[in-house]
PDB file of N, CA and C in Angstrom:
ATOM      1  N   UNK A   1      37.869  78.976 -19.371  1.00  0.00           N
ATOM      2  CA  UNK A   1      38.571  78.865 -20.833  1.00  0.00           C
ATOM      3  C   UNK A   1      39.144  77.660 -20.982  1.00  0.00           C
ATOM      4  N   UNK A   2      39.873  77.420 -19.946  1.00  0.00           N
ATOM      5  CA  UNK A   2      40.783  75.939 -20.338  1.00  0.00           C
ATOM      6  C   UNK A   2      39.672  74.913 -20.518  1.00  0.00           C
ATOM      7  N   UNK A   3      38.625  74.841 -19.871  1.00  0.00           N
ATOM      8  CA  UNK A   3      37.608  73.664 -19.853  1.00  0.00           C
ATOM      9  C   UNK A   3      37.414  73.666 -21.436  1.00  0.00           C
ATOM     10  N   UNK A   4      36.872  74.608 -21.954  1.00  0.00           N
ATOM     11  CA  UNK A   4      36.645  74.855 -23.665  1.00  0.00           C
ATOM     12  C   UNK A   4      37.975  74.128 -24.561  1.00  0.00           C
ATOM     13  N   UNK A   5      38.997  74.507 -24.011  1.00  0.00           N
ATOM     14  CA  UNK A   5      40.140  74.140 -25.001  1.00  0.00           C
ATOM     15  C   UNK A   5      40.449  72.505 -24.696  1.00  0.00           C
ATOM     16  N   UNK A   6      40.143  72.157 -23.580  1.00  0.00           N
ATOM     17  CA  UNK A   6      40.299  70.721 -23.517  1.00  0.00           C
ATOM     18  C   UNK A   6      39.032  69.906 -24.206  1.00  0.00           C
ATOM     19  N   UNK A   7      37.947  70.434 -24.060  1.00  0.00           N
ATOM     20  CA  UNK A   7      36.647  69.821 -24.692  1.00  0.00           C
ATOM     21  C   UNK A   7      36.740  69.828 -25.950  1.00  0.00           C
ATOM     22  N   UNK A   8      37.260  70.987 -26.748  1.00  0.00           N
ATOM     23  CA  UNK A   8      37.281  70.760 -28.354  1.00  0.00           C
ATOM     24  C   UNK A   8      38.566  69.822 -28.786  1.00  0.00           C
ATOM     25  N   UNK A   9      39.587  69.993 -27.670  1.00  0.00           N
ATOM     26  CA  UNK A   9      40.768  69.086 -28.297  1.00  0.00           C
ATOM     27  C   UNK A   9      40.208  67.564 -28.398  1.00  0.00           C
ATOM     28  N   UNK A  10      39.756  67.074 -27.194  1.00  0.00           N
ATOM     29  CA  UNK A  10      39.199  65.871 -26.852  1.00  0.00           C
ATOM     30  C   UNK A  10      38.259  65.346 -28.110  1.00  0.00           C
ATOM     31  N   UNK A  11      37.326  66.144 -28.426  1.00  0.00           N
ATOM     32  CA  UNK A  11      36.199  65.907 -29.206  1.00  0.00           C
ATOM     33  C   UNK A  11      37.016  65.906 -30.887  1.00  0.00           C
ATOM     34  N   UNK A  12      37.888  66.668 -31.172  1.00  0.00           N
ATOM     35  CA  UNK A  12      38.448  66.597 -32.489  1.00  0.00           C
ATOM     36  C   UNK A  12      39.407  65.099 -32.559  1.00  0.00           C
ATOM     37  N   UNK A  13      39.995  64.984 -31.366  1.00  0.00           N
ATOM     38  CA  UNK A  13      40.517  63.339 -31.430  1.00  0.00           C
ATOM     39  C   UNK A  13      39.598  62.387 -31.602  1.00  0.00           C
ATOM     40  N   UNK A  14      38.573  62.443 -30.687  1.00  0.00           N
ATOM     41  CA  UNK A  14      37.602  61.601 -30.896  1.00  0.00           C
ATOM     42  C   UNK A  14      36.878  61.304 -32.170  1.00  0.00           C
ATOM     43  N   UNK A  15      36.451  62.539 -32.917  1.00  0.00           N
ATOM     44  CA  UNK A  15      35.975  62.625 -34.143  1.00  0.00           C
ATOM     45  C   UNK A  15      37.100  62.133 -35.318  1.00  0.00           C
ATOM     46  N   UNK A  16      38.249  62.148 -35.206  1.00  0.00           N
ATOM     47  CA  UNK A  16      39.021  61.872 -36.285  1.00  0.00           C
ATOM     48  C   UNK A  16      39.245  60.254 -36.099  1.00  0.00           C
ATOM     49  N   UNK A  17      39.388  59.932 -34.983  1.00  0.00           N
ATOM     50  CA  UNK A  17      39.240  58.311 -34.473  1.00  0.00           C
ATOM     51  C   UNK A  17      38.055  57.745 -35.118  1.00  0.00           C
ATOM     52  N   UNK A  18      36.855  58.470 -34.802  1.00  0.00           N
ATOM     53  CA  UNK A  18      35.910  58.066 -35.604  1.00  0.00           C
ATOM     54  C   UNK A  18      35.774  57.738 -36.990  1.00  0.00           C
ATOM     55  N   UNK A  19      36.129  58.741 -37.541  1.00  0.00           N
ATOM     56  CA  UNK A  19      36.608  58.915 -39.094  1.00  0.00           C
ATOM     57  C   UNK A  19      37.106  57.607 -39.573  1.00  0.00           C
ATOM     58  N   UNK A  20      38.203  57.151 -38.839  1.00  0.00           N
ATOM     59  CA  UNK A  20      39.269  55.991 -39.411  1.00  0.00           C
ATOM     60  C   UNK A  20      38.185  54.729 -39.119  1.00  0.00           C
ATOM     61  N   UNK A  21      37.377  54.684 -38.153  1.00  0.00           N
ATOM     62  CA  UNK A  21      36.388  53.508 -37.974  1.00  0.00           C
ATOM     63  C   UNK A  21      35.284  53.571 -38.682  1.00  0.00           C
ATOM     64  N   UNK A  22      34.839  54.564 -39.235  1.00  0.00           N
ATOM     65  CA  UNK A  22      33.583  54.621 -40.267  1.00  0.00           C
ATOM     66  C   UNK A  22      33.695  53.616 -41.509  1.00  0.00           C
ATOM     67  N   UNK A  23      32.408  52.931 -41.487  1.00  0.00           N
ATOM     68  CA  UNK A  23      32.267  52.024 -42.476  1.00  0.00           C
ATOM     69  C   UNK A  23      31.928  52.815 -43.842  1.00  0.00           C
ATOM     70  N   UNK A  24      30.895  53.640 -43.853  1.00  0.00           N
ATOM     71  CA  UNK A  24      30.359  54.140 -45.110  1.00  0.00           C
ATOM     72  C   UNK A  24      31.091  55.649 -45.311  1.00  0.00           C
ATOM     73  N   UNK A  25      30.954  56.010 -46.680  1.00  0.00           N
ATOM     74  CA  UNK A  25      31.667  57.510 -46.842  1.00  0.00           C
ATOM     75  C   UNK A  25      30.921  58.313 -46.189  1.00  0.00           C
ATOM     76  N   UNK A  26      29.665  58.441 -46.435  1.00  0.00           N
ATOM     77  CA  UNK A  26      28.962  59.746 -45.697  1.00  0.00           C
ATOM     78  C   UNK A  26      29.378  59.860 -44.003  1.00  0.00           C
ATOM     79  N   UNK A  27      29.216  58.595 -43.406  1.00  0.00           N
ATOM     80  CA  UNK A  27      29.413  58.741 -42.027  1.00  0.00           C
ATOM     81  C   UNK A  27      31.012  59.179 -41.841  1.00  0.00           C
ATOM     82  N   UNK A  28      31.947  58.639 -42.740  1.00  0.00           N
ATOM     83  CA  UNK A  28      33.439  59.249 -42.676  1.00  0.00           C
ATOM     84  C   UNK A  28      33.635  60.698 -42.804  1.00  0.00           C
ATOM     85  N   UNK A  29      32.862  61.252 -43.667  1.00  0.00           N
ATOM     86  CA  UNK A  29      32.667  62.489 -44.155  1.00  0.00           C
ATOM     87  C   UNK A  29      32.179  63.389 -43.114  1.00  0.00           C
ATOM     88  N   UNK A  30      31.189  62.874 -42.527  1.00  0.00           N
ATOM     89  CA  UNK A  30      30.528  63.445 -41.206  1.00  0.00           C
ATOM     90  C   UNK A  30      31.428  63.900 -40.153  1.00  0.00           C
ATOM     91  N   UNK A  31      32.181  62.728 -39.769  1.00  0.00           N
ATOM     92  CA  UNK A  31      33.095  62.694 -38.622  1.00  0.00           C
ATOM     93  C   UNK A  31      34.093  63.793 -38.877  1.00  0.00           C
ATOM     94  N   UNK A  32      34.682  63.651 -40.223  1.00  0.00           N
ATOM     95  CA  UNK A  32      35.951  64.640 -40.505  1.00  0.00           C
ATOM     96  C   UNK A  32      35.452  66.110 -40.531  1.00  0.00           C
ATOM     97  N   UNK A  33      34.127  66.191 -41.052  1.00  0.00           N
ATOM     98  CA  UNK A  33      33.907  67.699 -40.988  1.00  0.00           C
ATOM     99  C   UNK A  33      33.644  67.860 -39.683  1.00  0.00           C
ATOM    100  N   UNK A  34      33.128  67.293 -38.451  1.00  0.00           N
ATOM    101  CA  UNK A  34      33.100  67.755 -37.069  1.00  0.00           C
ATOM    102  C   UNK A  34      34.477  67.929 -36.584  1.00  0.00           C
ATOM    103  N   UNK A  35      35.262  66.930 -36.835  1.00  0.00           N
ATOM    104  CA  UNK A  35      36.697  67.229 -36.429  1.00  0.00           C
ATOM    105  C   UNK A  35      37.287  68.537 -36.594  1.00  0.00           C
ATOM    106  N   UNK A  36      37.199  68.838 -38.275  1.00  0.00           N
ATOM    107  CA  UNK A  36      37.702  70.061 -38.698  1.00  0.00           C
ATOM    108  C   UNK A  36      36.958  71.014 -38.012  1.00  0.00           C
ATOM    109  N   UNK A  37      35.468  71.062 -37.554  1.00  0.00           N
ATOM    110  CA  UNK A  37      34.889  72.160 -36.923  1.00  0.00           C
ATOM    111  C   UNK A  37      35.577  72.075 -35.531  1.00  0.00           C
ATOM    112  N   UNK A  38      35.905  71.042 -34.824  1.00  0.00           N
ATOM    113  CA  UNK A  38      36.419  71.202 -33.430  1.00  0.00           C
ATOM    114  C   UNK A  38      38.069  71.879 -33.507  1.00  0.00           C
ATOM    115  N   UNK A  39      38.640  71.632 -34.689  1.00  0.00           N
ATOM    116  CA  UNK A  39      39.882  72.211 -34.689  1.00  0.00           C
ATOM    117  C   UNK A  39      39.857  73.689 -35.159  1.00  0.00           C
ATOM    118  N   UNK A  40      38.974  74.167 -35.807  1.00  0.00           N
ATOM    119  CA  UNK A  40      38.743  75.569 -36.039  1.00  0.00           C
ATOM    120  C   UNK A  40      38.460  76.234 -34.591  1.00  0.00           C
ATOM    121  N   UNK A  41      37.620  75.616 -33.905  1.00  0.00           N
ATOM    122  CA  UNK A  41      37.243  76.159 -32.530  1.00  0.00           C
ATOM    123  C   UNK A  41      38.453  76.310 -31.766  1.00  0.00           C
ATOM    124  N   UNK A  42      39.319  75.288 -31.755  1.00  0.00           N
ATOM    125  CA  UNK A  42      40.728  75.391 -30.944  1.00  0.00           C
ATOM    126  C   UNK A  42      41.390  76.530 -31.405  1.00  0.00           C
ATOM    127  N   UNK A  43      41.559  76.596 -32.678  1.00  0.00           N
ATOM    128  CA  UNK A  43      42.332  77.457 -33.070  1.00  0.00           C
ATOM    129  C   UNK A  43      41.891  79.044 -32.807  1.00  0.00           C
ATOM    130  N   UNK A  44      40.551  79.338 -32.889  1.00  0.00           N
ATOM    131  CA  UNK A  44      39.866  80.563 -32.493  1.00  0.00           C
ATOM    132  C   UNK A  44      40.344  80.944 -31.074  1.00  0.00           C
ATOM    133  N   UNK A  45      40.686  79.613 -30.052  1.00  0.00           N
ATOM    134  CA  UNK A  45      41.051  80.218 -28.862  1.00  0.00           C
ATOM    135  C   UNK A  45      42.395  80.277 -28.700  1.00  0.00           C
ATOM    136  N   UNK A  46      43.161  79.821 -29.654  1.00  0.00           N
ATOM    137  CA  UNK A  46      44.654  80.206 -29.668  1.00  0.00           C
ATOM    138  C   UNK A  46      45.317  79.002 -28.972  1.00  0.00           C
ATOM    139  N   UNK A  47      44.517  77.768 -28.994  1.00  0.00           N
ATOM    140  CA  UNK A  47      45.299  76.514 -28.457  1.00  0.00           C
ATOM    141  C   UNK A  47      46.105  75.883 -29.417  1.00  0.00           C
ATOM    142  N   UNK A  48      47.230  75.286 -28.906  1.00  0.00           N
ATOM    143  CA  UNK A  48      47.989  74.378 -29.663  1.00  0.00           C
ATOM    144  C   UNK A  48      47.103  73.217 -30.206  1.00  0.00           C
ATOM    145  N   UNK A  49      47.353  73.048 -31.457  1.00  0.00           N
ATOM    146  CA  UNK A  49      46.366  71.972 -32.137  1.00  0.00           C
ATOM    147  C   UNK A  49      47.268  70.637 -31.723  1.00  0.00           C
ATOM    148  N   UNK A  50      46.253  69.389 -31.526  1.00  0.00           N
ATOM    149  CA  UNK A  50      46.759  68.033 -31.058  1.00  0.00           C
ATOM    150  C   UNK A  50      47.381  67.184 -32.530  1.00  0.00           C
ATOM    151  N   UNK A  51      47.589  67.998 -33.684  1.00  0.00           N
ATOM    152  CA  UNK A  51      48.042  67.283 -34.773  1.00  0.00           C
ATOM    153  C   UNK A  51      49.156  67.826 -35.352  1.00  0.00           C
ATOM    154  N   UNK A  52      50.161  67.272 -36.231  1.00  0.00           N
ATOM    155  CA  UNK A  52      51.186  67.890 -36.851  1.00  0.00           C
ATOM    156  C   UNK A  52      50.664  68.599 -38.079  1.00  0.00           C
ATOM    157  N   UNK A  53      50.853  69.648 -38.663  1.00  0.00           N
ATOM    158  CA  UNK A  53      50.513  70.431 -40.000  1.00  0.00           C
ATOM    159  C   UNK A  53      50.273  69.569 -41.133  1.00  0.00           C
ATOM    160  N   UNK A  54      51.293  68.679 -41.162  1.00  0.00           N
ATOM    161  CA  UNK A  54      50.996  67.443 -42.293  1.00  0.00           C
ATOM    162  C   UNK A  54      49.705  66.509 -42.091  1.00  0.00           C
ATOM    163  N   UNK A  55      49.384  66.081 -40.815  1.00  0.00           N
ATOM    164  CA  UNK A  55      48.220  65.474 -40.547  1.00  0.00           C
ATOM    165  C   UNK A  55      46.868  66.398 -40.718  1.00  0.00           C
ATOM    166  N   UNK A  56      47.056  67.758 -40.342  1.00  0.00           N
ATOM    167  CA  UNK A  56      45.919  68.544 -40.824  1.00  0.00           C
ATOM    168  C   UNK A  56      45.633  68.562 -42.235  1.00  0.00           C
ATOM    169  N   UNK A  57      46.838  68.802 -42.863  1.00  0.00           N
ATOM    170  CA  UNK A  57      46.724  68.880 -44.577  1.00  0.00           C
ATOM    171  C   UNK A  57      46.018  67.707 -45.101  1.00  0.00           C
ATOM    172  N   UNK A  58      46.494  66.442 -44.684  1.00  0.00           N
ATOM    173  CA  UNK A  58      45.837  65.346 -45.172  1.00  0.00           C
ATOM    174  C   UNK A  58      44.291  65.104 -44.697  1.00  0.00           C
ATOM    175  N   UNK A  59      44.115  65.398 -43.576  1.00  0.00           N
ATOM    176  CA  UNK A  59      42.458  65.466 -43.131  1.00  0.00           C
ATOM    177  C   UNK A  59      41.792  66.405 -43.801  1.00  0.00           C
ATOM    178  N   UNK A  60      42.214  67.516 -44.037  1.00  0.00           N
ATOM    179  CA  UNK A  60      41.327  68.380 -44.958  1.00  0.00           C
ATOM    180  C   UNK A  60      41.258  68.088 -46.346  1.00  0.00           C
ATOM    181  N   UNK A  61      42.130  67.682 -47.186  1.00  0.00           N
ATOM    182  CA  UNK A  61      42.387  67.002 -48.227  1.00  0.00           C
ATOM    183  C   UNK A  61      41.566  65.753 -48.675  1.00  0.00           C
ATOM    184  N   UNK A  62      41.160  64.939 -47.760  1.00  0.00           N
ATOM    185  CA  UNK A  62      40.402  63.825 -47.539  1.00  0.00           C
ATOM    186  C   UNK A  62      39.220  63.900 -48.086  1.00  0.00           C
TER     187      UNK A  62
END
C-alpha cells in the first residue's frame, strides 16, 4: 500500500509541475486534470496530501 501512496504523491507533484511548464492551454488543462486525479487517489487511500488546502483550492479553480 505504501508504494501506491508514494506513486500517487510523486505523480501529482510531477503533473502540477508540468502544468506550470505547459505552453498551451489544452496541455495545461490535461496536466491539471491528471494531477487532480492523482490527488483523489491519494485521498481515497487516506494519505496526507502534499499540498496546503489553499493550494488545492487554487488548482481546482484554475
